[in-house]
Amino acid sequence: MTIQETIEQKIVDAIPLLGLDVINESHMHNVPAGSESHFKVVIISDDFQGQRLVQRHQRINQILADELAGDVHALSIQAMTREEWDKRGGQIMPSPNCLGGSKRDSS
């Protein structure tokens, strides 16, 4: 199972979902081709009703703690209720461009 599939499965198992998109954004960063190190998760669930943004992020970070302690270097989270998703027009916020650089570049 890929890291992306593992992330999807863990979220599906933990949260009642109305929508989920797990996007591997590793290609946008200075990593080898085929890497699974940078992800964006877009999660739509009315289970987030009444939770502040930080609480939603903490919940997702807890679900994915093993992945974040391992191969996942960065995780962008867009966690919202159906109403919030509809107000946004069903649009996923774009990720900023990578500013580049790596440990190799700093020496």
Protein backbone atom coordinates (compact mmCIF):
# COMPACT_ATOMS: atom_id res chain seq x y z
CA MET A 1 0.00 0.00 0.00
CA THR A 2 1.37 3.44 -0.89
CA ILE A 3 1.64 6.22 1.67
CA GLN A 4 -1.16 8.05 -0.15
CA GLU A 5 -3.42 4.99 0.10
CA THR A 6 -2.55 4.61 3.79
CA ILE A 7 -3.46 8.25 4.46
CA GLU A 8 -6.77 7.82 2.63
CA GLN A 9 -7.64 4.62 4.49
CA LYS A 10 -6.80 5.99 7.93
CA ILE A 11 -8.98 9.07 7.39
CA VAL A 12 -11.86 7.02 5.96
CA ASP A 13 -11.69 4.72 8.99
CA ALA A 14 -11.61 7.60 11.52
CA ILE A 15 -14.01 10.27 10.26
CA PRO A 16 -17.50 10.13 8.74
CA LEU A 17 -16.85 11.79 5.38
CA LEU A 18 -18.82 13.73 2.83
CA GLY A 19 -15.70 14.13 0.69
CA LEU A 20 -11.99 13.37 0.71
CA ASP A 21 -9.16 14.21 -1.64
CA VAL A 22 -5.57 13.21 -0.82
CA ILE A 23 -3.16 14.92 -3.19
CA ASN A 24 0.50 13.98 -3.47
CA GLU A 25 2.29 17.30 -3.97
CA SER A 26 5.79 15.87 -3.69
CA HIS A 27 6.47 16.64 -7.35
CA MET A 28 6.25 20.35 -6.46
CA HIS A 29 9.28 20.06 -4.18
CA ASN A 30 12.96 19.25 -4.38
CA VAL A 31 12.60 15.50 -3.86
CA PRO A 32 13.32 12.47 -6.06
CA ALA A 33 10.74 11.51 -8.68
CA GLY A 34 8.07 9.22 -7.29
CA SER A 35 8.43 10.51 -3.72
CA GLU A 36 5.56 10.46 -1.26
CA SER A 37 6.66 13.15 1.17
CA HIS A 38 4.37 16.17 0.69
CA PHE A 39 0.58 15.84 0.79
CA LYS A 40 -2.53 17.97 0.82
CA VAL A 41 -5.69 16.51 2.33
CA VAL A 42 -9.07 18.07 1.66
CA ILE A 43 -11.63 16.66 4.05
CA ILE A 44 -15.32 17.47 4.09
CA SER A 45 -17.21 16.23 7.14
CA ASP A 46 -20.02 17.61 9.24
CA ASP A 47 -18.18 15.95 12.12
CA PHE A 48 -16.08 19.16 12.16
CA GLN A 49 -19.14 21.23 13.11
CA GLY A 50 -18.33 23.37 16.15
CA GLN A 51 -14.60 22.62 16.02
CA ARG A 52 -12.05 25.38 15.55
CA LEU A 53 -9.57 25.01 12.71
CA VAL A 54 -6.75 24.12 15.08
CA GLN A 55 -8.85 21.31 16.60
CA ARG A 56 -9.55 19.90 13.14
CA HIS A 57 -5.85 19.97 12.26
CA GLN A 58 -4.87 18.37 15.56
CA ARG A 59 -7.35 15.58 14.91
CA ILE A 60 -5.95 14.86 11.44
CA ASN A 61 -2.36 15.08 12.72
CA GLN A 62 -3.22 12.56 15.43
CA ILE A 63 -4.79 10.16 12.90
CA LEU A 64 -1.68 10.41 10.71
CA ALA A 65 0.90 10.54 13.53
CA ASP A 66 2.83 7.50 12.27
CA GLU A 67 3.10 8.88 8.74
CA LEU A 68 4.16 12.32 10.01
CA ALA A 69 6.81 10.69 12.21
CA GLY A 70 8.05 8.75 9.18
CA ASP A 71 8.19 9.53 5.48
CA VAL A 72 5.68 12.42 5.31
CA HIS A 73 7.60 15.67 5.50
CA ALA A 74 4.70 18.10 4.97
CA LEU A 75 0.93 17.90 5.29
CA SER A 76 -1.44 20.64 4.19
CA ILE A 77 -4.92 20.24 5.68
CA GLN A 78 -8.15 21.76 4.42
CA ALA A 79 -10.81 20.42 6.80
CA MET A 80 -14.32 21.82 6.51
CA THR A 81 -18.00 21.12 6.92
CA ARG A 82 -20.31 20.74 3.93
CA GLU A 83 -21.60 24.28 4.50
CA GLU A 84 -18.05 25.70 4.50
CA TRP A 85 -17.20 23.71 1.35
CA ASP A 86 -20.32 25.02 -0.40
CA LYS A 87 -19.53 28.61 0.63
CA ARG A 88 -16.10 28.16 -0.92
CA GLY A 89 -17.79 27.04 -4.13
CA GLY A 90 -16.29 23.57 -3.92
CA GLN A 91 -12.83 24.94 -4.66
CA ILE A 92 -9.59 23.54 -3.27
CA MET A 93 -7.18 26.28 -2.23
CA PRO A 94 -3.99 26.05 -4.29
CA SER A 95 -0.71 25.33 -2.56
CA PRO A 96 2.05 27.92 -2.79
CA ASN A 97 5.01 27.21 -4.99
CA CYS A 98 7.94 25.57 -3.28
CA LEU A 99 10.62 28.10 -2.43
CA GLY A 100 13.21 25.50 -3.29
CA GLY A 101 16.35 24.53 -1.56
CA SER A 102 17.45 21.47 0.25
CA LYS A 103 20.07 20.50 2.78
CA ARG A 104 22.45 19.90 -0.14
CA ASP A 105 22.04 23.53 -1.27
CA SER A 106 22.96 25.08 2.10
CA SER A 107 26.52 23.76 2.24
